[in-house]
Protein backbone atom coordinates (compact mmCIF):
# COMPACT_ATOMS: atom_id res chain seq x y z
CA MET A 1 -24.00 -0.51 21.49
CA SER A 2 -24.13 -0.71 25.55
CA LYS A 3 -21.44 0.07 28.06
CA ILE A 4 -20.97 -3.61 28.73
CA ARG A 5 -21.11 -4.96 25.24
CA LYS A 6 -17.86 -2.24 24.46
CA ILE A 7 -16.16 -3.15 27.46
CA ILE A 8 -16.71 -7.04 26.46
CA TYR A 9 -15.56 -6.29 22.53
CA ARG A 10 -12.32 -4.40 24.02
CA ASN A 11 -11.36 -7.58 25.85
CA LYS A 12 -11.83 -9.77 23.24
CA MET A 13 -9.91 -7.44 20.63
CA LYS A 14 -7.17 -7.33 23.40
CA LEU A 15 -7.24 -11.18 23.57
CA MET A 16 -6.85 -11.53 19.67
CA GLU A 17 -3.98 -9.20 19.85
CA ASN A 18 -2.08 -10.91 22.49
CA ARG A 19 -2.71 -14.41 20.96
CA HIS A 20 -1.72 -13.45 17.42
CA SER A 21 1.26 -11.16 17.73
CA THR A 22 2.71 -8.73 20.15
CA LYS A 23 2.54 -6.65 16.97
CA GLY A 24 -1.18 -5.98 16.54
CA VAL A 25 -3.78 -8.32 14.76
CA TYR A 26 -3.81 -9.80 11.26
CA CYS A 27 -4.92 -7.54 8.57
CA HIS A 28 -6.18 -8.83 5.57
CA GLY A 29 -5.77 -5.79 3.46
CA ALA A 30 -1.63 -5.68 4.53
CA LYS A 31 -1.63 -9.67 4.59
CA LYS A 32 0.00 -9.40 8.06
CA ASN A 33 0.11 -8.41 11.73
CA LYS A 34 -0.63 -4.52 12.30
CA ILE A 35 -1.23 -2.27 15.12
CA VAL A 36 -4.80 -0.70 14.45
CA TYR A 37 -5.20 2.73 15.78
CA GLU A 38 -8.70 4.09 16.30
CA THR A 39 -8.15 7.57 14.90
CA ASN A 40 -5.74 8.96 12.73
CA ALA A 41 -4.85 11.26 15.86
CA LYS A 42 -3.31 8.39 17.62
CA ALA A 43 -1.60 6.83 14.53
CA LEU A 44 0.06 10.28 13.59
CA ARG A 45 1.38 10.25 17.45
CA ALA A 46 2.66 6.93 17.00
CA VAL A 47 4.40 7.95 13.77
CA MET A 48 5.94 10.96 15.80
CA LEU A 49 7.12 8.62 18.51
CA CYS A 50 8.47 5.94 16.44
CA GLU A 51 12.32 5.77 15.90
CA ASP A 52 12.30 3.53 12.90
CA GLN A 53 11.26 4.33 9.22
CA THR A 54 7.65 5.08 9.83
CA ILE A 55 6.66 8.09 7.79
CA ARG A 56 2.62 8.05 7.45
CA THR A 57 -0.63 6.65 8.22
CA TYR A 58 -3.27 5.39 6.41
CA TYR A 59 -7.12 4.53 6.78
CA CYS A 60 -7.64 0.60 6.34
CA HIS A 61 -11.06 -0.70 4.88
CA TYR A 62 -10.44 -3.96 6.36
CA CYS A 63 -9.56 -3.47 9.88
CA ALA A 64 -11.86 -0.12 9.85
CA GLY A 65 -9.25 1.77 11.62
CA PHE A 66 -5.53 3.50 11.12
CA HIS A 67 -2.18 2.07 10.39
CA THR A 68 1.50 3.27 10.24
CA THR A 69 3.77 2.62 7.17
CA SER A 70 7.05 3.50 6.19
CA ARG A 71 6.16 3.39 2.52
CA PRO A 72 5.95 6.44 0.78
CA GLU A 73 2.61 7.57 -0.84
CA HIS A 74 2.11 6.95 -4.27
CA ASP A 75 -0.08 7.69 -7.35
CA GLU A 76 -2.03 4.70 -8.70
CA LEU A 77 -1.19 5.37 -12.01
CA ASP A 78 2.46 4.96 -11.06
CA ASP A 79 1.52 1.16 -10.68
CA LEU A 80 -0.36 1.15 -14.19
CA TYR A 81 2.58 2.44 -15.91
CA MET A 82 5.00 -0.08 -14.25
CA PHE A 83 2.65 -3.00 -15.12
CA ALA A 84 2.33 -1.85 -18.77
CA ARG A 85 5.80 -1.51 -19.22
CA ALA A 86 6.68 -4.84 -17.74
CA TYR A 87 4.18 -6.40 -20.45
CA VAL A 88 4.85 -3.97 -23.10
CA CYS A 89 8.99 -4.08 -23.18
């Protein structure tokens, strides 16, 4: 991508971000507005600087970037167990 196209793309993303929310762009994976970080290092820095409940970062395939979250990391087997338990009991 040429430098001019990159600048135009960044400006479009900034406009979209400002148009949708002051909290980032809409993420179809999270189904809400999220801030998208280009690298994991930038997202980790945001976690360290946040004074709220933010505890970790994760990669989002929908946005092709990193988000921060306050939810603890969990195992997919925990979800399967809870799903099975809800329908068996």
